[in-house]
C-alpha atoms as a PDB file:
ATOM      1  CA  MET A   1      14.122  12.789   2.581  1.00  0.00           C
ATOM      2  CA  THR A   2      11.574  15.103   1.574  1.00  0.00           C
ATOM      3  CA  GLU A   3       7.859  14.307   3.317  1.00  0.00           C
ATOM      4  CA  ILE A   4       4.854  16.601   3.842  1.00  0.00           C
ATOM      5  CA  ARG A   5       2.247  15.467   6.510  1.00  0.00           C
ATOM      6  CA  THR A   6      -1.375  17.113   5.947  1.00  0.00           C
ATOM      7  CA  PRO A   7      -4.204  15.823   8.356  1.00  0.00           C
ATOM      8  CA  ARG A   8      -4.654  12.567   6.459  1.00  0.00           C
ATOM      9  CA  LEU A   9      -1.865  12.066   4.182  1.00  0.00           C
ATOM     10  CA  LEU A  10       2.164  11.395   3.763  1.00  0.00           C
ATOM     11  CA  LEU A  11       3.544  12.792   0.599  1.00  0.00           C
ATOM     12  CA  ARG A  12       6.848  11.281   0.123  1.00  0.00           C
ATOM     13  CA  ARG A  13       9.770  10.042  -2.194  1.00  0.00           C
ATOM     14  CA  TRP A  14       9.311   6.736  -4.315  1.00  0.00           C
ATOM     15  CA  LEU A  15      10.155   3.252  -2.661  1.00  0.00           C
ATOM     16  CA  PRO A  16      10.417   1.249  -5.576  1.00  0.00           C
ATOM     17  CA  ASP A  17      10.442  -1.872  -3.974  1.00  0.00           C
ATOM     18  CA  ASP A  18       7.371  -0.863  -1.925  1.00  0.00           C
ATOM     19  CA  ASP A  19       5.548   1.448  -4.424  1.00  0.00           C
ATOM     20  CA  LEU A  20       5.908  -0.296  -7.801  1.00  0.00           C
ATOM     21  CA  VAL A  21       3.126  -3.056  -7.755  1.00  0.00           C
ATOM     22  CA  PRO A  22       0.506  -0.477  -6.166  1.00  0.00           C
ATOM     23  CA  LEU A  23       1.083   2.285  -8.516  1.00  0.00           C
ATOM     24  CA  ALA A  24       1.232  -0.134 -11.482  1.00  0.00           C
ATOM     25  CA  GLU A  25      -2.229  -1.309 -10.125  1.00  0.00           C
ATOM     26  CA  ILE A  26      -3.544   2.412 -10.411  1.00  0.00           C
ATOM     27  CA  GLN A  27      -1.760   3.316 -13.692  1.00  0.00           C
ATOM     28  CA  ALA A  28      -3.433   0.001 -15.139  1.00  0.00           C
ATOM     29  CA  ASP A  29      -7.137   1.453 -14.472  1.00  0.00           C
ATOM     30  CA  ALA A  30      -8.170   3.052 -17.673  1.00  0.00           C
ATOM     31  CA  ALA A  31     -10.486   5.187 -15.755  1.00  0.00           C
ATOM     32  CA  VAL A  32      -7.558   6.521 -13.896  1.00  0.00           C
ATOM     33  CA  MET A  33      -5.054   7.203 -16.630  1.00  0.00           C
ATOM     34  CA  ARG A  34      -8.064   8.577 -19.240  1.00  0.00           C
ATOM     35  CA  TYR A  35      -6.674  12.252 -18.702  1.00  0.00           C
ATOM     36  CA  VAL A  36      -3.293  11.596 -18.271  1.00  0.00           C
ATOM     37  CA  GLY A  37      -0.494  11.704 -21.205  1.00  0.00           C
ATOM     38  CA  ASP A  38      -2.374   9.763 -23.879  1.00  0.00           C
ATOM     39  CA  GLY A  39      -4.761   8.417 -22.092  1.00  0.00           C
ATOM     40  CA  ALA A  40      -3.843   4.801 -22.053  1.00  0.00           C
ATOM     41  CA  PRO A  41      -3.081   2.656 -19.060  1.00  0.00           C
ATOM     42  CA  ARG A  42       0.382   1.614 -18.027  1.00  0.00           C
ATOM     43  CA  SER A  43       2.026  -1.489 -17.851  1.00  0.00           C
ATOM     44  CA  LEU A  44       4.164  -2.621 -14.442  1.00  0.00           C
ATOM     45  CA  ASP A  45       7.496  -1.809 -16.800  1.00  0.00           C
ATOM     46  CA  GLU A  46       6.084   1.623 -17.824  1.00  0.00           C
ATOM     47  CA  THR A  47       5.289   2.346 -14.138  1.00  0.00           C
ATOM     48  CA  ALA A  48       8.711   1.246 -13.398  1.00  0.00           C
ATOM     49  CA  GLU A  49      10.145   3.795 -15.698  1.00  0.00           C
ATOM     50  CA  ASP A  50       7.697   6.581 -14.728  1.00  0.00           C
ATOM     51  CA  ILE A  51       8.973   6.223 -10.820  1.00  0.00           C
ATOM     52  CA  GLU A  52      12.644   6.010 -12.034  1.00  0.00           C
ATOM     53  CA  ARG A  53      11.984   9.410 -14.026  1.00  0.00           C
ATOM     54  CA  TRP A  54      10.333  10.884 -11.269  1.00  0.00           C
ATOM     55  CA  GLU A  55      12.954  10.102  -9.041  1.00  0.00           C
ATOM     56  CA  GLU A  56      15.308  11.944 -11.327  1.00  0.00           C
ATOM     57  CA  GLU A  57      13.196  14.772 -11.712  1.00  0.00           C
ATOM     58  CA  TRP A  58      13.650  15.102  -7.809  1.00  0.00           C
ATOM     59  CA  ASP A  59      17.924  14.773  -8.004  1.00  0.00           C
ATOM     60  CA  ASP A  60      17.904  17.100 -10.747  1.00  0.00           C
ATOM     61  CA  GLU A  61      15.192  20.005 -10.077  1.00  0.00           C
ATOM     62  CA  GLY A  62      14.781  19.671  -6.471  1.00  0.00           C
ATOM     63  CA  PHE A  63      11.077  19.065  -6.579  1.00  0.00           C
ATOM     64  CA  GLY A  64       9.228  16.027  -8.239  1.00  0.00           C
ATOM     65  CA  ILE A  65       6.035  13.878  -8.091  1.00  0.00           C
ATOM     66  CA  PHE A  66       5.457  12.425  -4.354  1.00  0.00           C
ATOM     67  CA  ALA A  67       4.117   9.333  -3.687  1.00  0.00           C
ATOM     68  CA  VAL A  68       1.011   9.913  -1.707  1.00  0.00           C
ATOM     69  CA  GLU A  69       0.363   7.476   1.151  1.00  0.00           C
ATOM     70  CA  LEU A  70      -2.868   7.206   3.596  1.00  0.00           C
ATOM     71  CA  LEU A  71      -1.320   8.254   6.961  1.00  0.00           C
ATOM     72  CA  GLY A  72      -4.129   5.614   8.578  1.00  0.00           C
ATOM     73  CA  SER A  73      -3.442   2.509   6.715  1.00  0.00           C
ATOM     74  CA  GLY A  74      -0.251   2.869   4.699  1.00  0.00           C
ATOM     75  CA  GLU A  75      -1.912   2.263   1.436  1.00  0.00           C
ATOM     76  CA  LEU A  76      -0.633   4.171  -1.635  1.00  0.00           C
ATOM     77  CA  ALA A  77      -3.254   6.352  -3.022  1.00  0.00           C
ATOM     78  CA  GLY A  78      -1.325   7.636  -5.897  1.00  0.00           C
ATOM     79  CA  ALA A  79       0.956  10.360  -6.899  1.00  0.00           C
ATOM     80  CA  VAL A  80       0.908  14.280  -7.159  1.00  0.00           C
ATOM     81  CA  GLY A  81       3.311  16.653  -7.298  1.00  0.00           C
ATOM     82  CA  LEU A  82       5.685  19.130  -9.214  1.00  0.00           C
ATOM     83  CA  TYR A  83       7.195  18.398 -13.081  1.00  0.00           C
ATOM     84  CA  VAL A  84       8.199  20.303 -16.080  1.00  0.00           C
ATOM     85  CA  PRO A  85       6.076  19.641 -18.713  1.00  0.00           C
ATOM     86  CA  ASP A  86       7.193  19.402 -22.324  1.00  0.00           C
ATOM     87  CA  ALA A  87       3.741  20.260 -23.752  1.00  0.00           C
ATOM     88  CA  PRO A  88       1.646  22.040 -24.506  1.00  0.00           C
ATOM     89  CA  ALA A  89       3.748  25.132 -25.771  1.00  0.00           C
ATOM     90  CA  PRO A  90       2.447  27.783 -23.555  1.00  0.00           C
ATOM     91  CA  VAL A  91       3.186  25.757 -20.561  1.00  0.00           C
ATOM     92  CA  ALA A  92       6.467  23.995 -21.569  1.00  0.00           C
ATOM     93  CA  GLY A  93       9.443  24.442 -19.438  1.00  0.00           C
ATOM     94  CA  HIS A  94       7.468  26.121 -16.619  1.00  0.00           C
ATOM     95  CA  ILE A  95       6.531  24.047 -13.273  1.00  0.00           C
ATOM     96  CA  GLY A  96       3.281  22.036 -13.646  1.00  0.00           C
ATOM     97  CA  ILE A  97       1.531  20.345 -10.891  1.00  0.00           C
ATOM     98  CA  GLN A  98      -0.154  17.062 -11.549  1.00  0.00           C
ATOM     99  CA  TRP A  99      -1.950  14.232  -9.829  1.00  0.00           C
ATOM    100  CA  ARG A 100      -3.355  10.804 -10.342  1.00  0.00           C
ATOM    101  CA  LEU A 101      -5.282   8.773  -7.348  1.00  0.00           C
ATOM    102  CA  GLY A 102      -6.797   5.209  -7.216  1.00  0.00           C
ATOM    103  CA  ARG A 103     -10.318   5.436  -8.436  1.00  0.00           C
ATOM    104  CA  GLN A 104     -11.084   3.872  -4.798  1.00  0.00           C
ATOM    105  CA  PHE A 105      -9.677   7.309  -3.369  1.00  0.00           C
ATOM    106  CA  TRP A 106     -11.693   9.986  -5.824  1.00  0.00           C
ATOM    107  CA  GLY A 107     -14.527  11.927  -4.501  1.00  0.00           C
ATOM    108  CA  GLN A 108     -12.729  12.186  -0.660  1.00  0.00           C
ATOM    109  CA  GLY A 109     -11.080  15.712  -1.098  1.00  0.00           C
ATOM    110  CA  TYR A 110      -7.721  13.355  -1.050  1.00  0.00           C
ATOM    111  CA  ALA A 111      -6.532  15.079  -4.660  1.00  0.00           C
ATOM    112  CA  SER A 112      -7.133  18.844  -2.917  1.00  0.00           C
ATOM    113  CA  GLU A 113      -5.382  17.997   0.143  1.00  0.00           C
ATOM    114  CA  ALA A 114      -2.272  16.734  -1.638  1.00  0.00           C
ATOM    115  CA  ALA A 115      -2.205  19.464  -4.368  1.00  0.00           C
ATOM    116  CA  GLN A 116      -2.732  21.934  -1.606  1.00  0.00           C
ATOM    117  CA  ALA A 117       0.429  20.718   0.230  1.00  0.00           C
ATOM    118  CA  THR A 118       2.259  20.290  -3.117  1.00  0.00           C
ATOM    119  CA  LEU A 119       1.936  24.233  -3.947  1.00  0.00           C
ATOM    120  CA  GLU A 120       2.629  25.061  -0.151  1.00  0.00           C
ATOM    121  CA  PHE A 121       5.810  22.897  -0.720  1.00  0.00           C
ATOM    122  CA  ALA A 122       6.665  24.695  -3.864  1.00  0.00           C
ATOM    123  CA  LEU A 123       6.393  28.440  -2.321  1.00  0.00           C
ATOM    124  CA  GLN A 124       8.007  27.814   1.015  1.00  0.00           C
ATOM    125  CA  ASP A 125      10.440  25.248   0.548  1.00  0.00           C
ATOM    126  CA  ARG A 126      11.351  25.488  -3.292  1.00  0.00           C
ATOM    127  CA  GLY A 127      10.985  29.202  -3.661  1.00  0.00           C
ATOM    128  CA  ILE A 128       8.963  28.639  -6.869  1.00  0.00           C
ATOM    129  CA  ASP A 129       6.661  31.796  -7.710  1.00  0.00           C
ATOM    130  CA  ARG A 130       4.349  30.187 -10.433  1.00  0.00           C
ATOM    131  CA  VAL A 131       2.918  26.703 -10.999  1.00  0.00           C
ATOM    132  CA  VAL A 132       1.203  25.762 -14.099  1.00  0.00           C
ATOM    133  CA  ALA A 133      -1.376  22.979 -14.826  1.00  0.00           C
ATOM    134  CA  ALA A 134      -2.840  21.361 -18.100  1.00  0.00           C
ATOM    135  CA  THR A 135      -6.224  19.526 -18.331  1.00  0.00           C
ATOM    136  CA  ALA A 136      -7.673  17.525 -21.086  1.00  0.00           C
ATOM    137  CA  GLU A 137     -11.048  18.771 -22.499  1.00  0.00           C
ATOM    138  CA  GLY A 138     -13.585  17.026 -20.304  1.00  0.00           C
ATOM    139  CA  ASP A 139     -11.762  16.569 -17.159  1.00  0.00           C
ATOM    140  CA  THR A 140     -14.226  18.129 -14.872  1.00  0.00           C
ATOM    141  CA  SER A 141     -12.568  16.686 -11.475  1.00  0.00           C
ATOM    142  CA  SER A 142      -9.392  17.877 -12.167  1.00  0.00           C
ATOM    143  CA  VAL A 143     -10.857  21.723 -13.006  1.00  0.00           C
ATOM    144  CA  LYS A 144     -12.785  21.439  -9.664  1.00  0.00           C
ATOM    145  CA  VAL A 145      -9.492  20.887  -7.943  1.00  0.00           C
ATOM    146  CA  LEU A 146      -7.575  23.416  -9.808  1.00  0.00           C
ATOM    147  CA  ALA A 147     -10.413  25.910  -8.513  1.00  0.00           C
ATOM    148  CA  LYS A 148      -9.922  24.908  -4.948  1.00  0.00           C
ATOM    149  CA  LEU A 149      -6.299  25.655  -5.308  1.00  0.00           C
ATOM    150  CA  GLY A 150      -7.032  28.998  -6.875  1.00  0.00           C
ATOM    151  CA  MET A 151      -5.509  28.310 -10.185  1.00  0.00           C
ATOM    152  CA  GLU A 152      -6.736  30.567 -12.994  1.00  0.00           C
ATOM    153  CA  PHE A 153      -7.711  29.712 -16.552  1.00  0.00           C
ATOM    154  CA  THR A 154      -5.357  31.029 -18.700  1.00  0.00           C
ATOM    155  CA  GLY A 155      -6.490  29.567 -22.311  1.00  0.00           C
ATOM    156  CA  GLU A 156      -6.369  26.721 -24.384  1.00  0.00           C
ATOM    157  CA  ALA A 157      -3.659  24.808 -26.739  1.00  0.00           C
ATOM    158  CA  ASP A 158      -3.392  21.400 -28.204  1.00  0.00           C
ATOM    159  CA  GLY A 159      -7.213  20.249 -26.894  1.00  0.00           C
ATOM    160  CA  MET A 160      -5.682  21.325 -23.116  1.00  0.00           C
ATOM    161  CA  ARG A 161      -7.044  23.700 -20.718  1.00  0.00           C
ATOM    162  CA  LEU A 162      -4.232  25.690 -19.286  1.00  0.00           C
ATOM    163  CA  TYR A 163      -4.263  27.096 -15.763  1.00  0.00           C
ATOM    164  CA  ALA A 164      -1.911  28.893 -13.659  1.00  0.00           C
ATOM    165  CA  ILE A 165      -1.365  30.340 -10.072  1.00  0.00           C
ATOM    166  CA  ASP A 166       1.053  33.028  -8.957  1.00  0.00           C
ATOM    167  CA  LEU A 167       2.372  31.684  -5.639  1.00  0.00           C
ATOM    168  CA  THR A 168       3.150  35.251  -4.634  1.00  0.00           C
ATOM    169  CA  GLU A 169      -0.368  35.638  -4.056  1.00  0.00           C
ATOM    170  CA  TYR A 170      -1.666  32.262  -2.850  1.00  0.00           C
ATOM    171  CA  GLU A 171      -3.178  32.003   0.231  1.00  0.00           C
ATOM    172  CA  GLY A 172      -3.314  28.062   0.828  1.00  0.00           C
END
């Protein structure tokens, strides 16, 4: 089982029996989902489908979206990881990074800590040399995390701001 420990977090594969309800509560929050996909909150069934799809990506690609657990409490804080986006066109088919955390975990540096560990995993464990990201217009919090990661703005497409990082130059 793939796990990454940071000073405050455990990034791990999904445990559907344990993680479904806490993730569904996170994804039911309109503020959390505002900039994810179509921006709509997700139901319990949709969340179950997300977890299933993320686990299939792990099996098919050798990487995927991690469950983010707080080391101190064992509480599920959200999700972060690598995926292959299908849109917008300039990033489609490349390896992307994404995250979503419960609102109570915002502003504490968890997204940056988890995303940093994910980039190190991409480079060191999976040999991935480039990672992309797409953020919705107005998602200033994600832009701040992308800047901390060293990701550079590469353009816009379909109302999304695009970023990328060459991991061969990544300094963590």
